Amino acid sequence: MNTAKVSQLYSDEFHAINTWFHDTRPPYCFNDIFVFNALYRRAYPALNREEKRRVEEFVDIMIEQVEYPKLATQIFGVV
């Protein structure tokens, strides 16, 4: 019997961010941003280009749905 090897589509680091994003509901408050930043900073070096692109989409959504507009500048990666 042949057994197929299944490769992981996304890294564990991306999976952690993805899970957090889908479990956290807007509006995003300071604590949400704090947790997201910690996850993203830790994961960033290990993410591939596609994963970084997808996380940037999460960031864009977060910017649009922060509790207070000034909080958007506190999200990791936002200039």
PDB file of N, CA and C in Angstrom:
ATOM      1  N   MET A   1       0.844  -1.174   0.000  1.00  0.00           N
ATOM      2  CA  MET A   1       0.000   0.000   0.000  1.00  0.00           C
ATOM      3  C   MET A   1       0.896   1.246   0.000  1.00  0.00           C
ATOM      4  N   ASN A   2       0.626   2.158  -0.910  1.00  0.00           N
ATOM      5  CA  ASN A   2       1.370   3.421  -0.966  1.00  0.00           C
ATOM      6  C   ASN A   2       0.681   4.460  -0.096  1.00  0.00           C
ATOM      7  N   THR A   3       1.497   5.210   0.613  1.00  0.00           N
ATOM      8  CA  THR A   3       0.966   6.263   1.466  1.00  0.00           C
ATOM      9  C   THR A   3       1.437   7.607   0.935  1.00  0.00           C
ATOM     10  N   ALA A   4       0.512   8.486   0.695  1.00  0.00           N
ATOM     11  CA  ALA A   4       0.861   9.816   0.189  1.00  0.00           C
ATOM     12  C   ALA A   4       1.379  10.683   1.321  1.00  0.00           C
ATOM     13  N   LYS A   5       2.380  11.472   1.002  1.00  0.00           N
ATOM     14  CA  LYS A   5       2.886  12.432   1.979  1.00  0.00           C
ATOM     15  C   LYS A   5       2.165  13.751   1.766  1.00  0.00           C
ATOM     16  N   VAL A   6       1.651  14.291   2.827  1.00  0.00           N
ATOM     17  CA  VAL A   6       0.916  15.547   2.754  1.00  0.00           C
ATOM     18  C   VAL A   6       1.782  16.635   3.353  1.00  0.00           C
ATOM     19  N   SER A   7       2.021  17.651   2.569  1.00  0.00           N
ATOM     20  CA  SER A   7       2.819  18.757   3.103  1.00  0.00           C
ATOM     21  C   SER A   7       1.886  19.825   3.659  1.00  0.00           C
ATOM     22  N   GLN A   8       2.377  20.514   4.633  1.00  0.00           N
ATOM     23  CA  GLN A   8       1.603  21.556   5.291  1.00  0.00           C
ATOM     24  C   GLN A   8       1.496  22.762   4.356  1.00  0.00           C
ATOM     25  N   LEU A   9       0.289  23.293   4.188  1.00  0.00           N
ATOM     26  CA  LEU A   9       0.088  24.425   3.294  1.00  0.00           C
ATOM     27  C   LEU A   9       0.647  25.723   3.868  1.00  0.00           C
ATOM     28  N   TYR A  10       0.519  25.913   5.158  1.00  0.00           N
ATOM     29  CA  TYR A  10       0.978  27.132   5.818  1.00  0.00           C
ATOM     30  C   TYR A  10       1.814  26.782   7.033  1.00  0.00           C
ATOM     31  N   SER A  11       2.680  27.695   7.390  1.00  0.00           N
ATOM     32  CA  SER A  11       3.542  27.479   8.547  1.00  0.00           C
ATOM     33  C   SER A  11       2.725  27.522   9.839  1.00  0.00           C
ATOM     34  N   ASP A  12       3.309  26.973  10.894  1.00  0.00           N
ATOM     35  CA  ASP A  12       2.673  27.027  12.211  1.00  0.00           C
ATOM     36  C   ASP A  12       2.506  28.480  12.651  1.00  0.00           C
ATOM     37  N   GLU A  13       3.479  29.317  12.308  1.00  0.00           N
ATOM     38  CA  GLU A  13       3.426  30.735  12.671  1.00  0.00           C
ATOM     39  C   GLU A  13       2.234  31.420  12.008  1.00  0.00           C
ATOM     40  N   PHE A  14       2.026  31.145  10.720  1.00  0.00           N
ATOM     41  CA  PHE A  14       0.873  31.728  10.031  1.00  0.00           C
ATOM     42  C   PHE A  14      -0.418  31.183  10.634  1.00  0.00           C
ATOM     43  N   HIS A  15      -0.437  29.918  10.917  1.00  0.00           N
ATOM     44  CA  HIS A  15      -1.636  29.302  11.479  1.00  0.00           C
ATOM     45  C   HIS A  15      -2.035  29.987  12.793  1.00  0.00           C
ATOM     46  N   ALA A  16      -1.048  30.321  13.622  1.00  0.00           N
ATOM     47  CA  ALA A  16      -1.343  30.991  14.901  1.00  0.00           C
ATOM     48  C   ALA A  16      -1.995  32.352  14.663  1.00  0.00           C
ATOM     49  N   ILE A  17      -1.479  33.118  13.709  1.00  0.00           N
ATOM     50  CA  ILE A  17      -2.049  34.441  13.397  1.00  0.00           C
ATOM     51  C   ILE A  17      -3.442  34.276  12.791  1.00  0.00           C
ATOM     52  N   ASN A  18      -3.571  33.361  11.867  1.00  0.00           N
ATOM     53  CA  ASN A  18      -4.846  33.116  11.200  1.00  0.00           C
ATOM     54  C   ASN A  18      -5.927  32.721  12.212  1.00  0.00           C
ATOM     55  N   THR A  19      -5.580  31.842  13.120  1.00  0.00           N
ATOM     56  CA  THR A  19      -6.527  31.413  14.148  1.00  0.00           C
ATOM     57  C   THR A  19      -6.937  32.587  15.019  1.00  0.00           C
ATOM     58  N   TRP A  20      -5.944  33.373  15.467  1.00  0.00           N
ATOM     59  CA  TRP A  20      -6.261  34.539  16.299  1.00  0.00           C
ATOM     60  C   TRP A  20      -7.200  35.479  15.548  1.00  0.00           C
ATOM     61  N   PHE A  21      -6.884  35.759  14.290  1.00  0.00           N
ATOM     62  CA  PHE A  21      -7.678  36.708  13.512  1.00  0.00           C
ATOM     63  C   PHE A  21      -9.123  36.244  13.370  1.00  0.00           C
ATOM     64  N   HIS A  22      -9.318  34.977  13.116  1.00  0.00           N
ATOM     65  CA  HIS A  22     -10.674  34.473  12.915  1.00  0.00           C
ATOM     66  C   HIS A  22     -11.440  34.260  14.223  1.00  0.00           C
ATOM     67  N   ASP A  23     -10.715  34.216  15.330  1.00  0.00           N
ATOM     68  CA  ASP A  23     -11.370  34.071  16.635  1.00  0.00           C
ATOM     69  C   ASP A  23     -11.647  35.411  17.316  1.00  0.00           C
ATOM     70  N   THR A  24     -11.044  36.482  16.832  1.00  0.00           N
ATOM     71  CA  THR A  24     -11.166  37.800  17.445  1.00  0.00           C
ATOM     72  C   THR A  24     -12.125  38.646  16.621  1.00  0.00           C
ATOM     73  N   ARG A  25     -13.070  39.248  17.280  1.00  0.00           N
ATOM     74  CA  ARG A  25     -14.104  40.014  16.582  1.00  0.00           C
ATOM     75  C   ARG A  25     -13.887  41.513  16.733  1.00  0.00           C
ATOM     76  N   PRO A  26     -14.148  42.250  15.657  1.00  0.00           N
ATOM     77  CA  PRO A  26     -14.059  43.710  15.727  1.00  0.00           C
ATOM     78  C   PRO A  26     -15.191  44.286  16.571  1.00  0.00           C
ATOM     79  N   PRO A  27     -15.058  45.493  17.010  1.00  0.00           N
ATOM     80  CA  PRO A  27     -13.943  46.400  16.742  1.00  0.00           C
ATOM     81  C   PRO A  27     -12.717  45.990  17.555  1.00  0.00           C
ATOM     82  N   TYR A  28     -11.547  46.181  16.951  1.00  0.00           N
ATOM     83  CA  TYR A  28     -10.292  45.792  17.570  1.00  0.00           C
ATOM     84  C   TYR A  28      -9.849  46.851  18.570  1.00  0.00           C
ATOM     85  N   CYS A  29      -9.667  46.417  19.809  1.00  0.00           N
ATOM     86  CA  CYS A  29      -9.278  47.333  20.876  1.00  0.00           C
ATOM     87  C   CYS A  29      -7.753  47.252  21.086  1.00  0.00           C
ATOM     88  N   PHE A  30      -7.264  48.043  22.020  1.00  0.00           N
ATOM     89  CA  PHE A  30      -5.827  48.077  22.286  1.00  0.00           C
ATOM     90  C   PHE A  30      -5.291  46.694  22.632  1.00  0.00           C
ATOM     91  N   ASN A  31      -6.003  45.954  23.471  1.00  0.00           N
ATOM     92  CA  ASN A  31      -5.532  44.628  23.860  1.00  0.00           C
ATOM     93  C   ASN A  31      -5.454  43.687  22.661  1.00  0.00           C
ATOM     94  N   ASP A  32      -6.428  43.757  21.770  1.00  0.00           N
ATOM     95  CA  ASP A  32      -6.400  42.933  20.555  1.00  0.00           C
ATOM     96  C   ASP A  32      -5.154  43.247  19.731  1.00  0.00           C
ATOM     97  N   ILE A  33      -4.872  44.524  19.579  1.00  0.00           N
ATOM     98  CA  ILE A  33      -3.706  44.941  18.800  1.00  0.00           C
ATOM     99  C   ILE A  33      -2.420  44.486  19.481  1.00  0.00           C
ATOM    100  N   PHE A  34      -2.367  44.573  20.795  1.00  0.00           N
ATOM    101  CA  PHE A  34      -1.206  44.129  21.557  1.00  0.00           C
ATOM    102  C   PHE A  34      -0.922  42.644  21.302  1.00  0.00           C
ATOM    103  N   VAL A  35      -1.955  41.824  21.372  1.00  0.00           N
ATOM    104  CA  VAL A  35      -1.804  40.381  21.145  1.00  0.00           C
ATOM    105  C   VAL A  35      -1.412  40.106  19.693  1.00  0.00           C
ATOM    106  N   PHE A  36      -2.084  40.758  18.747  1.00  0.00           N
ATOM    107  CA  PHE A  36      -1.749  40.580  17.337  1.00  0.00           C
ATOM    108  C   PHE A  36      -0.293  40.944  17.080  1.00  0.00           C
ATOM    109  N   ASN A  37       0.150  42.083  17.607  1.00  0.00           N
ATOM    110  CA  ASN A  37       1.530  42.529  17.399  1.00  0.00           C
ATOM    111  C   ASN A  37       2.530  41.499  17.910  1.00  0.00           C
ATOM    112  N   ALA A  38       2.271  40.931  19.070  1.00  0.00           N
ATOM    113  CA  ALA A  38       3.173  39.927  19.627  1.00  0.00           C
ATOM    114  C   ALA A  38       3.251  38.702  18.710  1.00  0.00           C
ATOM    115  N   LEU A  39       2.101  38.256  18.221  1.00  0.00           N
ATOM    116  CA  LEU A  39       2.073  37.113  17.302  1.00  0.00           C
ATOM    117  C   LEU A  39       2.815  37.429  16.005  1.00  0.00           C
ATOM    118  N   TYR A  40       2.540  38.589  15.431  1.00  0.00           N
ATOM    119  CA  TYR A  40       3.112  38.951  14.139  1.00  0.00           C
ATOM    120  C   TYR A  40       4.621  39.173  14.238  1.00  0.00           C
ATOM    121  N   ARG A  41       5.074  39.855  15.270  1.00  0.00           N
ATOM    122  CA  ARG A  41       6.520  40.077  15.437  1.00  0.00           C
ATOM    123  C   ARG A  41       7.271  38.762  15.567  1.00  0.00           C
ATOM    124  N   ARG A  42       6.722  37.864  16.345  1.00  0.00           N
ATOM    125  CA  ARG A  42       7.366  36.567  16.555  1.00  0.00           C
ATOM    126  C   ARG A  42       7.349  35.743  15.258  1.00  0.00           C
ATOM    127  N   ALA A  43       6.269  35.819  14.506  1.00  0.00           N
ATOM    128  CA  ALA A  43       6.109  34.991  13.310  1.00  0.00           C
ATOM    129  C   ALA A  43       6.798  35.551  12.078  1.00  0.00           C
ATOM    130  N   TYR A  44       6.934  36.852  11.991  1.00  0.00           N
ATOM    131  CA  TYR A  44       7.371  37.518  10.756  1.00  0.00           C
ATOM    132  C   TYR A  44       8.601  36.876  10.104  1.00  0.00           C
ATOM    133  N   PRO A  45       9.686  36.606  10.838  1.00  0.00           N
ATOM    134  CA  PRO A  45      10.870  36.035  10.180  1.00  0.00           C
ATOM    135  C   PRO A  45      10.623  34.675   9.527  1.00  0.00           C
ATOM    136  N   ALA A  46       9.653  33.933  10.022  1.00  0.00           N
ATOM    137  CA  ALA A  46       9.388  32.585   9.510  1.00  0.00           C
ATOM    138  C   ALA A  46       8.348  32.553   8.396  1.00  0.00           C
ATOM    139  N   LEU A  47       7.640  33.648   8.184  1.00  0.00           N
ATOM    140  CA  LEU A  47       6.577  33.656   7.178  1.00  0.00           C
ATOM    141  C   LEU A  47       7.151  33.746   5.774  1.00  0.00           C
ATOM    142  N   ASN A  48       6.556  33.003   4.856  1.00  0.00           N
ATOM    143  CA  ASN A  48       6.960  33.147   3.458  1.00  0.00           C
ATOM    144  C   ASN A  48       6.211  34.335   2.835  1.00  0.00           C
ATOM    145  N   ARG A  49       6.522  34.639   1.602  1.00  0.00           N
ATOM    146  CA  ARG A  49       5.948  35.811   0.944  1.00  0.00           C
ATOM    147  C   ARG A  49       4.420  35.778   0.907  1.00  0.00           C
ATOM    148  N   GLU A  50       3.857  34.644   0.576  1.00  0.00           N
ATOM    149  CA  GLU A  50       2.389  34.520   0.504  1.00  0.00           C
ATOM    150  C   GLU A  50       1.759  34.701   1.884  1.00  0.00           C
ATOM    151  N   GLU A  51       2.377  34.130   2.897  1.00  0.00           N
ATOM    152  CA  GLU A  51       1.844  34.275   4.245  1.00  0.00           C
ATOM    153  C   GLU A  51       1.891  35.737   4.690  1.00  0.00           C
ATOM    154  N   LYS A  52       2.988  36.421   4.381  1.00  0.00           N
ATOM    155  CA  LYS A  52       3.095  37.846   4.723  1.00  0.00           C
ATOM    156  C   LYS A  52       2.021  38.650   4.007  1.00  0.00           C
ATOM    157  N   ARG A  53       1.776  38.328   2.754  1.00  0.00           N
ATOM    158  CA  ARG A  53       0.740  39.019   1.989  1.00  0.00           C
ATOM    159  C   ARG A  53      -0.636  38.816   2.644  1.00  0.00           C
ATOM    160  N   ARG A  54      -0.901  37.601   3.062  1.00  0.00           N
ATOM    161  CA  ARG A  54      -2.196  37.314   3.695  1.00  0.00           C
ATOM    162  C   ARG A  54      -2.334  38.031   5.028  1.00  0.00           C
ATOM    163  N   VAL A  55      -1.255  38.081   5.804  1.00  0.00           N
ATOM    164  CA  VAL A  55      -1.311  38.788   7.083  1.00  0.00           C
ATOM    165  C   VAL A  55      -1.516  40.279   6.842  1.00  0.00           C
ATOM    166  N   GLU A  56      -0.920  40.821   5.788  1.00  0.00           N
ATOM    167  CA  GLU A  56      -1.140  42.231   5.462  1.00  0.00           C
ATOM    168  C   GLU A  56      -2.613  42.498   5.136  1.00  0.00           C
ATOM    169  N   GLU A  57      -3.300  41.523   4.579  1.00  0.00           N
ATOM    170  CA  GLU A  57      -4.745  41.664   4.359  1.00  0.00           C
ATOM    171  C   GLU A  57      -5.474  41.736   5.700  1.00  0.00           C
ATOM    172  N   PHE A  58      -5.031  40.936   6.670  1.00  0.00           N
ATOM    173  CA  PHE A  58      -5.611  41.016   8.012  1.00  0.00           C
ATOM    174  C   PHE A  58      -5.383  42.402   8.600  1.00  0.00           C
ATOM    175  N   VAL A  59      -4.176  42.925   8.414  1.00  0.00           N
ATOM    176  CA  VAL A  59      -3.842  44.259   8.929  1.00  0.00           C
ATOM    177  C   VAL A  59      -4.765  45.304   8.309  1.00  0.00           C
ATOM    178  N   ASP A  60      -4.984  45.226   7.010  1.00  0.00           N
ATOM    179  CA  ASP A  60      -5.885  46.180   6.341  1.00  0.00           C
ATOM    180  C   ASP A  60      -7.294  46.125   6.934  1.00  0.00           C
ATOM    181  N   ILE A  61      -7.770  44.935   7.194  1.00  0.00           N
ATOM    182  CA  ILE A  61      -9.102  44.778   7.794  1.00  0.00           C
ATOM    183  C   ILE A  61      -9.116  45.364   9.199  1.00  0.00           C
ATOM    184  N   MET A  62      -8.062  45.093   9.954  1.00  0.00           N
ATOM    185  CA  MET A  62      -7.986  45.624  11.316  1.00  0.00           C
ATOM    186  C   MET A  62      -7.984  47.148  11.313  1.00  0.00           C
ATOM    187  N   ILE A  63      -7.236  47.752  10.384  1.00  0.00           N
ATOM    188  CA  ILE A  63      -7.176  49.216  10.289  1.00  0.00           C
ATOM    189  C   ILE A  63      -8.574  49.789  10.091  1.00  0.00           C
ATOM    190  N   GLU A  64      -9.355  49.145   9.248  1.00  0.00           N
ATOM    191  CA  GLU A  64     -10.711  49.622   8.963  1.00  0.00           C
ATOM    192  C   GLU A  64     -11.669  49.421  10.127  1.00  0.00           C
ATOM    193  N   GLN A  65     -11.318  48.514  11.052  1.00  0.00           N
ATOM    194  CA  GLN A  65     -12.279  48.138  12.086  1.00  0.00           C
ATOM    195  C   GLN A  65     -11.739  48.291  13.509  1.00  0.00           C
ATOM    196  N   VAL A  66     -10.801  49.237  13.702  1.00  0.00           N
ATOM    197  CA  VAL A  66     -10.316  49.491  15.063  1.00  0.00           C
ATOM    198  C   VAL A  66     -11.367  50.253  15.854  1.00  0.00           C
ATOM    199  N   GLU A  67     -11.305  50.098  17.141  1.00  0.00           N
ATOM    200  CA  GLU A  67     -12.251  50.753  18.037  1.00  0.00           C
ATOM    201  C   GLU A  67     -12.137  52.280  17.942  1.00  0.00           C
ATOM    202  N   TYR A  68     -10.902  52.758  17.915  1.00  0.00           N
ATOM    203  CA  TYR A  68     -10.621  54.195  17.777  1.00  0.00           C
ATOM    204  C   TYR A  68      -9.595  54.372  16.665  1.00  0.00           C
ATOM    205  N   PRO A  69      -9.808  55.289  15.732  1.00  0.00           N
ATOM    206  CA  PRO A  69      -8.898  55.454  14.591  1.00  0.00           C
ATOM    207  C   PRO A  69      -7.423  55.584  14.961  1.00  0.00           C
ATOM    208  N   LYS A  70      -7.112  56.225  16.082  1.00  0.00           N
ATOM    209  CA  LYS A  70      -5.709  56.388  16.475  1.00  0.00           C
ATOM    210  C   LYS A  70      -5.018  55.056  16.758  1.00  0.00           C
ATOM    211  N   LEU A  71      -5.785  54.035  17.077  1.00  0.00           N
ATOM    212  CA  LEU A  71      -5.194  52.728  17.355  1.00  0.00           C
ATOM    213  C   LEU A  71      -4.566  52.093  16.117  1.00  0.00           C
ATOM    214  N   ALA A  72      -5.017  52.490  14.950  1.00  0.00           N
ATOM    215  CA  ALA A  72      -4.497  51.891  13.710  1.00  0.00           C
ATOM    216  C   ALA A  72      -2.995  52.058  13.592  1.00  0.00           C
ATOM    217  N   THR A  73      -2.468  53.149  14.105  1.00  0.00           N
ATOM    218  CA  THR A  73      -1.020  53.378  13.998  1.00  0.00           C
ATOM    219  C   THR A  73      -0.232  52.479  14.925  1.00  0.00           C
ATOM    220  N   GLN A  74      -0.886  51.787  15.829  1.00  0.00           N
ATOM    221  CA  GLN A  74      -0.209  50.902  16.772  1.00  0.00           C
ATOM    222  C   GLN A  74      -0.082  49.471  16.245  1.00  0.00           C
ATOM    223  N   ILE A  75      -0.699  49.175  15.116  1.00  0.00           N
ATOM    224  CA  ILE A  75      -0.648  47.824  14.553  1.00  0.00           C
ATOM    225  C   ILE A  75       0.708  47.602  13.908  1.00  0.00           C
ATOM    226  N   PHE A  76       1.341  46.473  14.229  1.00  0.00           N
ATOM    227  CA  PHE A  76       2.660  46.147  13.698  1.00  0.00           C
ATOM    228  C   PHE A  76       2.656  46.196  12.166  1.00  0.00           C
ATOM    229  N   GLY A  77       3.606  46.919  11.614  1.00  0.00           N
ATOM    230  CA  GLY A  77       3.718  47.021  10.170  1.00  0.00           C
ATOM    231  C   GLY A  77       3.053  48.248   9.591  1.00  0.00           C
ATOM    232  N   VAL A  78       2.280  48.974  10.380  1.00  0.00           N
ATOM    233  CA  VAL A  78       1.625  50.187   9.897  1.00  0.00           C
ATOM    234  C   VAL A  78       2.549  51.369  10.163  1.00  0.00           C
ATOM    235  N   VAL A  79       2.772  52.137   9.126  1.00  0.00           N
ATOM    236  CA  VAL A  79       3.668  53.295   9.261  1.00  0.00           C
ATOM    237  C   VAL A  79       2.870  54.535   9.566  1.00  0.00           C
TER     238      VAL A  79
END
